[in-house]
Amino acid sequence: MFEAPDIDMRKSLLCQIYLNLSAAYMKTHHYSLAERVCNDGLSLTDMVSQLYFRKAQAMSLRKDCTLDKLTEAKRCITIAIEKRSS
């Protein structure tokens, strides 16, 4: 089996891939896909503040953005700031 440091390294690499993929989707205006990729990354670990920030960006830039989505985006930014400062 894999050892804990090996698993942590793999999760870290996957999170970096998810971050890059979400940035690419946002650059091409595929905001719903960017949000989905961020959710996939957050299912691995919720300790990466950039995933929360990118998710908030993707949610707020969608054309069909509602007040509920903006409230959720604000919550994601708050979590990102908390994770970043801890």
N, C-alpha and C. Protein backbone atom coordinates (compact mmCIF):
# COMPACT_ATOMS: atom_id res chain seq x y z
N MET A 1 0.83 -1.20 0.00
CA MET A 1 0.00 0.00 0.00
C MET A 1 0.87 1.25 0.00
N PHE A 2 0.21 2.37 -0.28
CA PHE A 2 0.91 3.65 -0.29
C PHE A 2 1.06 4.18 1.13
N GLU A 3 2.16 4.85 1.38
CA GLU A 3 2.39 5.47 2.67
C GLU A 3 1.74 6.84 2.70
N ALA A 4 1.53 7.37 3.89
CA ALA A 4 0.85 8.65 4.06
C ALA A 4 1.53 9.80 3.32
N PRO A 5 2.87 9.95 3.35
CA PRO A 5 3.48 11.05 2.59
C PRO A 5 3.24 10.94 1.09
N ASP A 6 3.21 9.70 0.59
CA ASP A 6 2.95 9.49 -0.84
C ASP A 6 1.53 9.91 -1.21
N ILE A 7 0.58 9.58 -0.35
CA ILE A 7 -0.82 9.95 -0.59
C ILE A 7 -0.97 11.47 -0.52
N ASP A 8 -0.32 12.10 0.45
CA ASP A 8 -0.38 13.56 0.57
C ASP A 8 0.20 14.24 -0.67
N MET A 9 1.29 13.70 -1.19
CA MET A 9 1.90 14.27 -2.38
C MET A 9 0.96 14.14 -3.58
N ARG A 10 0.31 13.01 -3.70
CA ARG A 10 -0.62 12.80 -4.81
C ARG A 10 -1.81 13.75 -4.71
N LYS A 11 -2.33 13.94 -3.50
CA LYS A 11 -3.44 14.88 -3.31
C LYS A 11 -3.01 16.30 -3.65
N SER A 12 -1.81 16.65 -3.27
CA SER A 12 -1.29 17.98 -3.56
C SER A 12 -1.17 18.20 -5.07
N LEU A 13 -0.67 17.21 -5.77
CA LEU A 13 -0.55 17.31 -7.23
C LEU A 13 -1.92 17.39 -7.88
N LEU A 14 -2.86 16.59 -7.41
CA LEU A 14 -4.21 16.64 -7.97
C LEU A 14 -4.87 17.99 -7.73
N CYS A 15 -4.67 18.56 -6.55
CA CYS A 15 -5.22 19.88 -6.26
C CYS A 15 -4.64 20.93 -7.20
N GLN A 16 -3.35 20.83 -7.49
CA GLN A 16 -2.73 21.77 -8.42
C GLN A 16 -3.30 21.60 -9.82
N ILE A 17 -3.56 20.37 -10.21
CA ILE A 17 -4.18 20.12 -11.52
C ILE A 17 -5.59 20.71 -11.56
N TYR A 18 -6.36 20.51 -10.49
CA TYR A 18 -7.70 21.09 -10.42
C TYR A 18 -7.66 22.62 -10.49
N LEU A 19 -6.70 23.23 -9.81
CA LEU A 19 -6.57 24.68 -9.85
C LEU A 19 -6.27 25.17 -11.27
N ASN A 20 -5.34 24.49 -11.93
CA ASN A 20 -4.99 24.88 -13.30
C ASN A 20 -6.15 24.66 -14.26
N LEU A 21 -6.85 23.55 -14.08
CA LEU A 21 -7.99 23.25 -14.94
C LEU A 21 -9.11 24.27 -14.75
N SER A 22 -9.36 24.65 -13.51
CA SER A 22 -10.41 25.66 -13.26
C SER A 22 -10.02 27.01 -13.85
N ALA A 23 -8.75 27.36 -13.77
CA ALA A 23 -8.29 28.62 -14.38
C ALA A 23 -8.46 28.58 -15.89
N ALA A 24 -8.16 27.44 -16.49
CA ALA A 24 -8.32 27.31 -17.95
C ALA A 24 -9.79 27.41 -18.35
N TYR A 25 -10.67 26.76 -17.58
CA TYR A 25 -12.10 26.86 -17.88
C TYR A 25 -12.61 28.28 -17.74
N MET A 26 -12.14 28.99 -16.73
CA MET A 26 -12.60 30.37 -16.55
C MET A 26 -12.08 31.27 -17.66
N LYS A 27 -10.87 31.01 -18.11
CA LYS A 27 -10.29 31.80 -19.20
C LYS A 27 -11.11 31.65 -20.49
N THR A 28 -11.71 30.46 -20.66
CA THR A 28 -12.52 30.20 -21.85
C THR A 28 -14.01 30.40 -21.58
N HIS A 29 -14.35 31.02 -20.46
CA HIS A 29 -15.72 31.38 -20.08
C HIS A 29 -16.62 30.17 -19.86
N HIS A 30 -16.07 29.06 -19.40
CA HIS A 30 -16.84 27.88 -19.02
C HIS A 30 -16.91 27.83 -17.49
N TYR A 31 -17.70 28.74 -16.95
CA TYR A 31 -17.71 28.94 -15.50
C TYR A 31 -18.34 27.78 -14.74
N SER A 32 -19.36 27.15 -15.31
CA SER A 32 -19.98 26.02 -14.60
C SER A 32 -19.01 24.85 -14.51
N LEU A 33 -18.21 24.63 -15.56
CA LEU A 33 -17.20 23.57 -15.51
C LEU A 33 -16.10 23.92 -14.50
N ALA A 34 -15.73 25.18 -14.44
CA ALA A 34 -14.71 25.61 -13.47
C ALA A 34 -15.21 25.39 -12.05
N GLU A 35 -16.47 25.68 -11.81
CA GLU A 35 -17.05 25.46 -10.48
C GLU A 35 -17.07 23.97 -10.15
N ARG A 36 -17.42 23.15 -11.12
CA ARG A 36 -17.46 21.70 -10.90
C ARG A 36 -16.07 21.15 -10.58
N VAL A 37 -15.05 21.65 -11.29
CA VAL A 37 -13.68 21.21 -11.04
C VAL A 37 -13.24 21.62 -9.63
N CYS A 38 -13.61 22.80 -9.22
CA CYS A 38 -13.27 23.24 -7.85
C CYS A 38 -13.95 22.35 -6.81
N ASN A 39 -15.20 22.00 -7.07
CA ASN A 39 -15.89 21.09 -6.14
C ASN A 39 -15.20 19.74 -6.07
N ASP A 40 -14.72 19.26 -7.21
CA ASP A 40 -13.97 17.99 -7.22
C ASP A 40 -12.69 18.11 -6.39
N GLY A 41 -12.00 19.24 -6.53
CA GLY A 41 -10.79 19.46 -5.75
C GLY A 41 -11.09 19.56 -4.27
N LEU A 42 -12.20 20.21 -3.93
CA LEU A 42 -12.56 20.35 -2.52
C LEU A 42 -13.02 19.03 -1.92
N SER A 43 -13.44 18.09 -2.76
CA SER A 43 -13.80 16.77 -2.23
C SER A 43 -12.55 16.01 -1.79
N LEU A 44 -11.41 16.35 -2.39
CA LEU A 44 -10.14 15.75 -1.96
C LEU A 44 -9.66 16.32 -0.64
N THR A 45 -9.63 17.64 -0.59
CA THR A 45 -9.19 18.34 0.61
C THR A 45 -9.86 19.70 0.67
N ASP A 46 -10.21 20.12 1.86
CA ASP A 46 -10.82 21.44 2.01
C ASP A 46 -9.84 22.44 2.60
N MET A 47 -8.55 22.11 2.53
CA MET A 47 -7.53 22.97 3.12
C MET A 47 -6.88 23.92 2.12
N VAL A 48 -7.27 23.88 0.86
CA VAL A 48 -6.65 24.71 -0.17
C VAL A 48 -7.52 25.96 -0.38
N SER A 49 -7.02 27.09 0.07
CA SER A 49 -7.81 28.32 0.01
C SER A 49 -8.06 28.77 -1.43
N GLN A 50 -7.12 28.48 -2.33
CA GLN A 50 -7.30 28.90 -3.72
C GLN A 50 -8.47 28.21 -4.39
N LEU A 51 -8.77 26.98 -4.00
CA LEU A 51 -9.93 26.29 -4.56
C LEU A 51 -11.23 27.02 -4.19
N TYR A 52 -11.31 27.48 -2.95
CA TYR A 52 -12.49 28.24 -2.54
C TYR A 52 -12.58 29.56 -3.30
N PHE A 53 -11.44 30.21 -3.47
CA PHE A 53 -11.43 31.49 -4.18
C PHE A 53 -11.83 31.32 -5.65
N ARG A 54 -11.27 30.31 -6.30
CA ARG A 54 -11.62 30.07 -7.71
C ARG A 54 -13.08 29.67 -7.86
N LYS A 55 -13.59 28.91 -6.90
CA LYS A 55 -15.00 28.54 -6.94
C LYS A 55 -15.88 29.78 -6.83
N ALA A 56 -15.51 30.69 -5.95
CA ALA A 56 -16.26 31.94 -5.80
C ALA A 56 -16.21 32.76 -7.08
N GLN A 57 -15.05 32.81 -7.71
CA GLN A 57 -14.93 33.53 -8.99
C GLN A 57 -15.85 32.91 -10.03
N ALA A 58 -15.79 31.61 -10.16
CA ALA A 58 -16.59 30.92 -11.18
C ALA A 58 -18.08 31.11 -10.93
N MET A 59 -18.48 31.05 -9.67
CA MET A 59 -19.90 31.22 -9.35
C MET A 59 -20.38 32.63 -9.65
N SER A 60 -19.58 33.62 -9.35
CA SER A 60 -20.03 35.00 -9.51
C SER A 60 -19.96 35.49 -10.96
N LEU A 61 -19.16 34.84 -11.80
CA LEU A 61 -19.03 35.28 -13.19
C LEU A 61 -20.03 34.64 -14.14
N ARG A 62 -20.79 33.68 -13.66
CA ARG A 62 -21.78 33.03 -14.52
C ARG A 62 -22.88 34.01 -14.92
N LYS A 63 -23.39 33.87 -16.12
CA LYS A 63 -24.46 34.75 -16.59
C LYS A 63 -25.76 34.52 -15.83
N ASP A 64 -25.99 33.29 -15.41
CA ASP A 64 -27.23 32.97 -14.70
C ASP A 64 -27.06 33.06 -13.18
N CYS A 65 -26.13 33.88 -12.74
CA CYS A 65 -25.84 34.02 -11.32
C CYS A 65 -27.03 34.65 -10.59
N THR A 66 -27.41 34.04 -9.49
CA THR A 66 -28.51 34.54 -8.68
C THR A 66 -27.96 35.11 -7.38
N LEU A 67 -28.84 35.71 -6.62
CA LEU A 67 -28.43 36.25 -5.32
C LEU A 67 -27.96 35.14 -4.39
N ASP A 68 -28.59 33.98 -4.48
CA ASP A 68 -28.16 32.85 -3.66
C ASP A 68 -26.75 32.41 -4.03
N LYS A 69 -26.45 32.38 -5.33
CA LYS A 69 -25.10 32.00 -5.77
C LYS A 69 -24.07 33.04 -5.32
N LEU A 70 -24.44 34.32 -5.36
CA LEU A 70 -23.52 35.35 -4.90
C LEU A 70 -23.28 35.25 -3.39
N THR A 71 -24.31 34.89 -2.65
CA THR A 71 -24.16 34.68 -1.21
C THR A 71 -23.23 33.50 -0.95
N GLU A 72 -23.40 32.43 -1.72
CA GLU A 72 -22.52 31.27 -1.60
C GLU A 72 -21.08 31.63 -1.98
N ALA A 73 -20.92 32.47 -3.02
CA ALA A 73 -19.58 32.91 -3.43
C ALA A 73 -18.93 33.73 -2.32
N LYS A 74 -19.71 34.57 -1.67
CA LYS A 74 -19.18 35.35 -0.55
C LYS A 74 -18.74 34.45 0.59
N ARG A 75 -19.51 33.38 0.84
CA ARG A 75 -19.15 32.43 1.89
C ARG A 75 -17.84 31.72 1.53
N CYS A 76 -17.68 31.39 0.25
CA CYS A 76 -16.45 30.73 -0.20
C CYS A 76 -15.24 31.65 -0.03
N ILE A 77 -15.41 32.93 -0.31
CA ILE A 77 -14.31 33.88 -0.14
C ILE A 77 -13.95 34.02 1.34
N THR A 78 -14.96 34.04 2.19
CA THR A 78 -14.70 34.11 3.63
C THR A 78 -13.92 32.89 4.10
N ILE A 79 -14.30 31.71 3.61
CA ILE A 79 -13.57 30.49 3.97
C ILE A 79 -12.14 30.55 3.43
N ALA A 80 -11.99 31.05 2.21
CA ALA A 80 -10.63 31.16 1.62
C ALA A 80 -9.74 32.06 2.46
N ILE A 81 -10.30 33.16 2.93
CA ILE A 81 -9.51 34.09 3.76
C ILE A 81 -9.15 33.43 5.10
N GLU A 82 -10.10 32.70 5.68
CA GLU A 82 -9.82 32.02 6.94
C GLU A 82 -8.75 30.95 6.78
N LYS A 83 -8.84 30.19 5.70
CA LYS A 83 -7.84 29.14 5.45
C LYS A 83 -6.47 29.74 5.17
N ARG A 84 -6.45 30.86 4.48
CA ARG A 84 -5.20 31.50 4.12
C ARG A 84 -4.47 32.06 5.34
N SER A 85 -5.25 32.57 6.30
CA SER A 85 -4.64 33.19 7.47
C SER A 85 -4.28 32.18 8.55
N SER A 86 -4.77 30.96 8.42
CA SER A 86 -4.46 29.96 9.47
C SER A 86 -3.25 29.13 9.13
